Amino acid sequence: MLTRTAARIALLSLVAAAATALAPAAFAGGSVNSLTTTLIGGNCGSTSTPFGQWGDVRSYYPVPGGDFESAAGPWTLAGGAATIPGNEPYHVRLGSDATSLLLPAGASATASNVCFGLLNPGIRFFAAGVGGPATLHVEIVTRSLLGLLSVLDGGTVTVAPGWAPTPVFSTAGSQLAMLAGAKTIQLRISTVSGNAQIDDVYVDPFCSR
């Protein structure tokens, strides 16, 4: 079995190969290094360790509008999703936070132009079941440099009533599908069953390492 380091080296080699193959078409007059950086991701902004008190010392950057303090901001809501009073109680993002996002069963929230890395993807946020447990599903949607649409499954989790950080959602096993992809993605969170509240959405991109 490959170690994590070996797996990363293998992925980097594949990225470099993809960059070399795509450079003439994708970057007229540009460099292979520029294409490789685009494929891997980077320059996602300042990061912090919002989940440190739960033993997670990875560096994350906040997804724009992911505090749901401004009527969901840049997020696209569907299926009855709406901002409501009540914030995750830890206030990891802003001490004055007062709202969160309600996701009834079948609802979804999609953030566009989210900076994302190829080698160390990670998505984490706070969630609570409303009136009982709820099951959430995370997906990553991207269109590659070649125009191909990919929908990567980040996984599902059942959350209990009461706010808590979710596990880290990751598509590391599927990232080869994005070797010819762009470094920005759409992040979609939906409720499979039950009703849920979510708040303070963060991404751990490659650039945080």
C-alpha atoms as a PDB file:
ATOM      1  CA  MET A   1       0.000   0.000   0.000  1.00  0.00           C
ATOM      2  CA  LEU A   2       1.315   3.458  -0.919  1.00  0.00           C
ATOM      3  CA  THR A   3       2.108   5.783   1.937  1.00  0.00           C
ATOM      4  CA  ARG A   4       0.485   9.226   1.908  1.00  0.00           C
ATOM      5  CA  THR A   5       3.787  10.810   0.854  1.00  0.00           C
ATOM      6  CA  ALA A   6       4.266   8.300  -1.950  1.00  0.00           C
ATOM      7  CA  ALA A   7       0.725   8.869  -3.142  1.00  0.00           C
ATOM      8  CA  ARG A   8       1.279  12.627  -3.255  1.00  0.00           C
ATOM      9  CA  ILE A   9       4.506  12.176  -5.224  1.00  0.00           C
ATOM     10  CA  ALA A  10       2.668   9.938  -7.690  1.00  0.00           C
ATOM     11  CA  LEU A  11      -0.097  12.517  -8.090  1.00  0.00           C
ATOM     12  CA  LEU A  12       2.428  15.309  -8.607  1.00  0.00           C
ATOM     13  CA  SER A  13       4.088  13.256 -11.328  1.00  0.00           C
ATOM     14  CA  LEU A  14       0.742  12.772 -13.045  1.00  0.00           C
ATOM     15  CA  VAL A  15      -0.038  16.474 -12.753  1.00  0.00           C
ATOM     16  CA  ALA A  16       3.311  17.359 -14.297  1.00  0.00           C
ATOM     17  CA  ALA A  17       2.644  14.937 -17.151  1.00  0.00           C
ATOM     18  CA  ALA A  18      -0.796  16.441 -17.693  1.00  0.00           C
ATOM     19  CA  ALA A  19       0.661  19.947 -17.616  1.00  0.00           C
ATOM     20  CA  THR A  20       3.263  19.034 -20.223  1.00  0.00           C
ATOM     21  CA  ALA A  21       0.625  17.543 -22.491  1.00  0.00           C
ATOM     22  CA  LEU A  22      -1.825  20.411 -22.129  1.00  0.00           C
ATOM     23  CA  ALA A  23       0.543  23.377 -22.085  1.00  0.00           C
ATOM     24  CA  PRO A  24       0.599  24.145 -25.832  1.00  0.00           C
ATOM     25  CA  ALA A  25      -3.190  24.243 -26.099  1.00  0.00           C
ATOM     26  CA  ALA A  26      -4.071  25.779 -22.762  1.00  0.00           C
ATOM     27  CA  PHE A  27      -1.340  28.384 -22.360  1.00  0.00           C
ATOM     28  CA  ALA A  28      -0.232  29.882 -25.622  1.00  0.00           C
ATOM     29  CA  GLY A  29       3.038  31.554 -24.755  1.00  0.00           C
ATOM     30  CA  GLY A  30       2.731  30.500 -21.094  1.00  0.00           C
ATOM     31  CA  SER A  31       4.803  28.086 -19.050  1.00  0.00           C
ATOM     32  CA  VAL A  32       4.314  24.509 -17.914  1.00  0.00           C
ATOM     33  CA  ASN A  33       4.844  25.716 -14.336  1.00  0.00           C
ATOM     34  CA  SER A  34       1.894  28.106 -14.675  1.00  0.00           C
ATOM     35  CA  LEU A  35      -0.348  25.301 -15.875  1.00  0.00           C
ATOM     36  CA  THR A  36       0.832  22.967 -13.119  1.00  0.00           C
ATOM     37  CA  THR A  37       0.014  25.613 -10.506  1.00  0.00           C
ATOM     38  CA  THR A  38      -3.449  26.018 -12.001  1.00  0.00           C
ATOM     39  CA  LEU A  39      -4.054  22.276 -11.936  1.00  0.00           C
ATOM     40  CA  ILE A  40      -2.882  21.807  -8.342  1.00  0.00           C
ATOM     41  CA  GLY A  41      -4.419  24.936  -6.894  1.00  0.00           C
ATOM     42  CA  GLY A  42      -3.068  27.613  -4.642  1.00  0.00           C
ATOM     43  CA  ASN A  43      -3.324  31.239  -3.563  1.00  0.00           C
ATOM     44  CA  CYS A  44      -6.614  30.614  -1.777  1.00  0.00           C
ATOM     45  CA  GLY A  45      -6.214  33.384   0.778  1.00  0.00           C
ATOM     46  CA  SER A  46      -5.383  33.464   4.472  1.00  0.00           C
ATOM     47  CA  THR A  47      -6.020  30.352   6.544  1.00  0.00           C
ATOM     48  CA  SER A  48      -6.641  29.520  10.198  1.00  0.00           C
ATOM     49  CA  THR A  49      -7.254  26.488  12.425  1.00  0.00           C
ATOM     50  CA  PRO A  50     -10.959  26.852  13.295  1.00  0.00           C
ATOM     51  CA  PHE A  51     -11.271  23.216  14.390  1.00  0.00           C
ATOM     52  CA  GLY A  52      -8.210  23.192  16.629  1.00  0.00           C
ATOM     53  CA  GLN A  53     -10.180  22.648  19.838  1.00  0.00           C
ATOM     54  CA  TRP A  54     -11.404  19.351  18.355  1.00  0.00           C
ATOM     55  CA  GLY A  55      -7.860  18.164  17.642  1.00  0.00           C
ATOM     56  CA  ASP A  56      -7.859  19.174  13.966  1.00  0.00           C
ATOM     57  CA  VAL A  57      -4.833  21.409  13.396  1.00  0.00           C
ATOM     58  CA  ARG A  58      -5.154  21.534   9.614  1.00  0.00           C
ATOM     59  CA  SER A  59      -5.253  24.986   8.043  1.00  0.00           C
ATOM     60  CA  TYR A  60      -8.539  26.017   6.437  1.00  0.00           C
ATOM     61  CA  TYR A  61      -9.765  29.062   4.611  1.00  0.00           C
ATOM     62  CA  PRO A  62     -13.387  30.266   4.948  1.00  0.00           C
ATOM     63  CA  VAL A  63     -15.646  29.688   1.960  1.00  0.00           C
ATOM     64  CA  PRO A  64     -17.055  33.104   0.940  1.00  0.00           C
ATOM     65  CA  GLY A  65     -20.527  33.558   2.418  1.00  0.00           C
ATOM     66  CA  GLY A  66     -20.139  30.336   4.387  1.00  0.00           C
ATOM     67  CA  ASP A  67     -21.020  32.051   7.650  1.00  0.00           C
ATOM     68  CA  PHE A  68     -24.529  32.668   6.226  1.00  0.00           C
ATOM     69  CA  GLU A  69     -24.724  36.100   7.826  1.00  0.00           C
ATOM     70  CA  SER A  70     -25.830  37.959   4.675  1.00  0.00           C
ATOM     71  CA  ALA A  71     -28.821  36.026   3.339  1.00  0.00           C
ATOM     72  CA  ALA A  72     -26.436  33.275   2.140  1.00  0.00           C
ATOM     73  CA  GLY A  73     -24.315  35.785   0.204  1.00  0.00           C
ATOM     74  CA  PRO A  74     -22.862  34.165  -2.957  1.00  0.00           C
ATOM     75  CA  TRP A  75     -24.489  30.785  -2.315  1.00  0.00           C
ATOM     76  CA  THR A  76     -27.304  29.490  -4.536  1.00  0.00           C
ATOM     77  CA  LEU A  77     -30.130  28.005  -2.466  1.00  0.00           C
ATOM     78  CA  ALA A  78     -32.732  25.468  -3.608  1.00  0.00           C
ATOM     79  CA  GLY A  79     -35.490  23.289  -2.166  1.00  0.00           C
ATOM     80  CA  GLY A  80     -36.466  25.598   0.680  1.00  0.00           C
ATOM     81  CA  ALA A  81     -32.978  26.314   2.019  1.00  0.00           C
ATOM     82  CA  ALA A  82     -32.928  29.618   3.907  1.00  0.00           C
ATOM     83  CA  THR A  83     -30.951  31.559   6.488  1.00  0.00           C
ATOM     84  CA  ILE A  84     -32.515  31.526   9.954  1.00  0.00           C
ATOM     85  CA  PRO A  85     -31.648  32.892  13.413  1.00  0.00           C
ATOM     86  CA  GLY A  86     -29.269  30.740  15.440  1.00  0.00           C
ATOM     87  CA  ASN A  87     -25.527  30.320  15.043  1.00  0.00           C
ATOM     88  CA  GLU A  88     -23.127  27.522  15.849  1.00  0.00           C
ATOM     89  CA  PRO A  89     -22.266  28.250  19.502  1.00  0.00           C
ATOM     90  CA  TYR A  90     -18.464  28.284  19.138  1.00  0.00           C
ATOM     91  CA  HIS A  91     -18.343  31.426  16.952  1.00  0.00           C
ATOM     92  CA  VAL A  92     -15.148  30.320  15.232  1.00  0.00           C
ATOM     93  CA  ARG A  93     -15.586  32.825  12.429  1.00  0.00           C
ATOM     94  CA  LEU A  94     -17.053  35.980  13.953  1.00  0.00           C
ATOM     95  CA  GLY A  95     -17.917  36.630  17.571  1.00  0.00           C
ATOM     96  CA  SER A  96     -21.073  38.447  16.463  1.00  0.00           C
ATOM     97  CA  ASP A  97     -22.460  35.682  14.216  1.00  0.00           C
ATOM     98  CA  ALA A  98     -26.212  35.307  14.631  1.00  0.00           C
ATOM     99  CA  THR A  99     -27.566  33.198  11.749  1.00  0.00           C
ATOM    100  CA  SER A 100     -27.049  29.859  10.017  1.00  0.00           C
ATOM    101  CA  LEU A 101     -28.503  27.986   7.054  1.00  0.00           C
ATOM    102  CA  LEU A 102     -31.543  25.712   7.308  1.00  0.00           C
ATOM    103  CA  LEU A 103     -31.525  22.785   4.875  1.00  0.00           C
ATOM    104  CA  PRO A 104     -34.881  20.951   4.920  1.00  0.00           C
ATOM    105  CA  ALA A 105     -34.979  17.443   3.448  1.00  0.00           C
ATOM    106  CA  GLY A 106     -34.189  17.654  -0.262  1.00  0.00           C
ATOM    107  CA  ALA A 107     -32.760  21.177  -0.051  1.00  0.00           C
ATOM    108  CA  SER A 108     -29.312  22.206  -1.236  1.00  0.00           C
ATOM    109  CA  ALA A 109     -26.843  25.078  -1.074  1.00  0.00           C
ATOM    110  CA  THR A 110     -24.166  25.612  -3.732  1.00  0.00           C
ATOM    111  CA  ALA A 111     -21.123  27.884  -3.517  1.00  0.00           C
ATOM    112  CA  SER A 112     -19.366  28.815  -6.756  1.00  0.00           C
ATOM    113  CA  ASN A 113     -15.746  29.759  -7.471  1.00  0.00           C
ATOM    114  CA  VAL A 114     -14.400  27.983  -4.394  1.00  0.00           C
ATOM    115  CA  CYS A 115     -10.610  27.702  -4.374  1.00  0.00           C
ATOM    116  CA  PHE A 116      -9.647  24.046  -4.119  1.00  0.00           C
ATOM    117  CA  GLY A 117      -6.473  21.970  -4.205  1.00  0.00           C
ATOM    118  CA  LEU A 118      -5.748  18.743  -6.016  1.00  0.00           C
ATOM    119  CA  LEU A 119      -3.665  16.860  -3.475  1.00  0.00           C
ATOM    120  CA  ASN A 120      -5.143  17.664  -0.061  1.00  0.00           C
ATOM    121  CA  PRO A 121      -8.819  18.502  -0.468  1.00  0.00           C
ATOM    122  CA  GLY A 122     -10.838  18.832   2.691  1.00  0.00           C
ATOM    123  CA  ILE A 123     -14.225  20.378   3.493  1.00  0.00           C
ATOM    124  CA  ARG A 124     -15.517  20.849   7.011  1.00  0.00           C
ATOM    125  CA  PHE A 125     -18.298  22.825   8.650  1.00  0.00           C
ATOM    126  CA  PHE A 126     -20.651  22.839  11.621  1.00  0.00           C
ATOM    127  CA  ALA A 127     -23.996  21.059  11.456  1.00  0.00           C
ATOM    128  CA  ALA A 128     -26.946  20.105  13.637  1.00  0.00           C
ATOM    129  CA  GLY A 129     -30.045  18.003  13.065  1.00  0.00           C
ATOM    130  CA  VAL A 130     -33.329  19.865  13.565  1.00  0.00           C
ATOM    131  CA  GLY A 131     -35.982  17.868  15.404  1.00  0.00           C
ATOM    132  CA  GLY A 132     -33.914  14.694  15.039  1.00  0.00           C
ATOM    133  CA  PRO A 133     -30.969  13.302  13.065  1.00  0.00           C
ATOM    134  CA  ALA A 134     -30.341  14.475   9.501  1.00  0.00           C
ATOM    135  CA  THR A 135     -28.158  13.114   6.701  1.00  0.00           C
ATOM    136  CA  LEU A 136     -26.050  15.535   4.677  1.00  0.00           C
ATOM    137  CA  HIS A 137     -24.351  14.944   1.339  1.00  0.00           C
ATOM    138  CA  VAL A 138     -21.364  16.890  -0.046  1.00  0.00           C
ATOM    139  CA  GLU A 139     -20.497  17.082  -3.745  1.00  0.00           C
ATOM    140  CA  ILE A 140     -17.836  18.920  -5.724  1.00  0.00           C
ATOM    141  CA  VAL A 141     -18.736  20.118  -9.208  1.00  0.00           C
ATOM    142  CA  THR A 142     -16.058  21.315 -11.624  1.00  0.00           C
ATOM    143  CA  ARG A 143     -15.573  21.957 -15.312  1.00  0.00           C
ATOM    144  CA  SER A 144     -12.119  21.041 -16.545  1.00  0.00           C
ATOM    145  CA  LEU A 145      -9.822  23.043 -18.786  1.00  0.00           C
ATOM    146  CA  LEU A 146     -10.995  20.716 -21.549  1.00  0.00           C
ATOM    147  CA  GLY A 147     -14.650  21.608 -20.881  1.00  0.00           C
ATOM    148  CA  LEU A 148     -15.591  18.330 -19.203  1.00  0.00           C
ATOM    149  CA  LEU A 149     -18.041  18.478 -16.287  1.00  0.00           C
ATOM    150  CA  SER A 150     -17.184  16.340 -13.252  1.00  0.00           C
ATOM    151  CA  VAL A 151     -19.279  15.713 -10.151  1.00  0.00           C
ATOM    152  CA  LEU A 152     -17.186  14.223  -7.355  1.00  0.00           C
ATOM    153  CA  ASP A 153     -18.813  12.580  -4.349  1.00  0.00           C
ATOM    154  CA  GLY A 154     -17.489  13.983  -1.083  1.00  0.00           C
ATOM    155  CA  GLY A 155     -19.556  11.584   1.025  1.00  0.00           C
ATOM    156  CA  THR A 156     -22.464  11.673   3.464  1.00  0.00           C
ATOM    157  CA  VAL A 157     -22.765  12.062   7.213  1.00  0.00           C
ATOM    158  CA  THR A 158     -25.629  11.755   9.682  1.00  0.00           C
ATOM    159  CA  VAL A 159     -25.659  14.562  12.236  1.00  0.00           C
ATOM    160  CA  ALA A 160     -27.454  14.528  15.567  1.00  0.00           C
ATOM    161  CA  PRO A 161     -29.352  17.433  17.126  1.00  0.00           C
ATOM    162  CA  GLY A 162     -26.913  19.838  18.751  1.00  0.00           C
ATOM    163  CA  TRP A 163     -24.128  21.696  16.971  1.00  0.00           C
ATOM    164  CA  ALA A 164     -20.873  19.878  16.243  1.00  0.00           C
ATOM    165  CA  PRO A 165     -18.185  19.963  13.566  1.00  0.00           C
ATOM    166  CA  THR A 166     -18.679  17.456  10.766  1.00  0.00           C
ATOM    167  CA  PRO A 167     -16.019  14.962   9.757  1.00  0.00           C
ATOM    168  CA  VAL A 168     -13.664  16.174   7.024  1.00  0.00           C
ATOM    169  CA  PHE A 169     -15.291  15.564   3.664  1.00  0.00           C
ATOM    170  CA  SER A 170     -12.736  14.671   1.016  1.00  0.00           C
ATOM    171  CA  THR A 171     -12.600  13.449  -2.566  1.00  0.00           C
ATOM    172  CA  ALA A 172      -8.939  12.463  -2.434  1.00  0.00           C
ATOM    173  CA  GLY A 173      -9.661   9.093  -4.060  1.00  0.00           C
ATOM    174  CA  SER A 174     -11.358  10.816  -6.999  1.00  0.00           C
ATOM    175  CA  GLN A 175      -8.961  13.684  -7.596  1.00  0.00           C
ATOM    176  CA  LEU A 176      -7.428  12.071 -10.669  1.00  0.00           C
ATOM    177  CA  ALA A 177     -10.666  13.054 -12.404  1.00  0.00           C
ATOM    178  CA  MET A 178      -9.555  16.664 -11.982  1.00  0.00           C
ATOM    179  CA  LEU A 179      -6.032  16.348 -13.343  1.00  0.00           C
ATOM    180  CA  ALA A 180      -7.087  18.351 -16.366  1.00  0.00           C
ATOM    181  CA  GLY A 181      -9.283  20.572 -14.208  1.00  0.00           C
ATOM    182  CA  ALA A 182      -9.339  24.097 -12.906  1.00  0.00           C
ATOM    183  CA  LYS A 183      -8.509  25.139  -9.369  1.00  0.00           C
ATOM    184  CA  THR A 184     -11.951  26.623  -8.631  1.00  0.00           C
ATOM    185  CA  ILE A 185     -14.971  24.443  -8.038  1.00  0.00           C
ATOM    186  CA  GLN A 186     -18.587  24.483  -6.986  1.00  0.00           C
ATOM    187  CA  LEU A 187     -19.293  23.078  -3.540  1.00  0.00           C
ATOM    188  CA  ARG A 188     -22.780  21.627  -3.058  1.00  0.00           C
ATOM    189  CA  ILE A 189     -24.222  20.589   0.321  1.00  0.00           C
ATOM    190  CA  SER A 190     -27.631  18.902   0.376  1.00  0.00           C
ATOM    191  CA  THR A 191     -29.888  17.165   2.878  1.00  0.00           C
ATOM    192  CA  VAL A 192     -30.724  13.559   2.027  1.00  0.00           C
ATOM    193  CA  SER A 193     -33.093  13.023   4.957  1.00  0.00           C
ATOM    194  CA  GLY A 194     -34.272  14.987   7.954  1.00  0.00           C
ATOM    195  CA  ASN A 195     -33.789  18.716   8.456  1.00  0.00           C
ATOM    196  CA  ALA A 196     -30.400  20.250   9.199  1.00  0.00           C
ATOM    197  CA  GLN A 197     -28.706  23.524  10.018  1.00  0.00           C
ATOM    198  CA  ILE A 198     -25.197  24.225   8.773  1.00  0.00           C
ATOM    199  CA  ASP A 199     -22.780  27.048   9.509  1.00  0.00           C
ATOM    200  CA  ASP A 200     -19.198  28.250   9.005  1.00  0.00           C
ATOM    201  CA  VAL A 201     -18.043  26.275   5.966  1.00  0.00           C
ATOM    202  CA  TYR A 202     -14.285  25.872   5.489  1.00  0.00           C
ATOM    203  CA  VAL A 203     -12.000  24.313   2.869  1.00  0.00           C
ATOM    204  CA  ASP A 204      -8.496  22.939   3.413  1.00  0.00           C
ATOM    205  CA  PRO A 205      -6.850  23.415   0.010  1.00  0.00           C
ATOM    206  CA  PHE A 206      -3.419  22.259  -1.104  1.00  0.00           C
ATOM    207  CA  CYS A 207      -2.090  25.775  -0.586  1.00  0.00           C
ATOM    208  CA  SER A 208      -2.631  25.511   3.178  1.00  0.00           C
ATOM    209  CA  ARG A 209       0.186  22.972   3.527  1.00  0.00           C
END
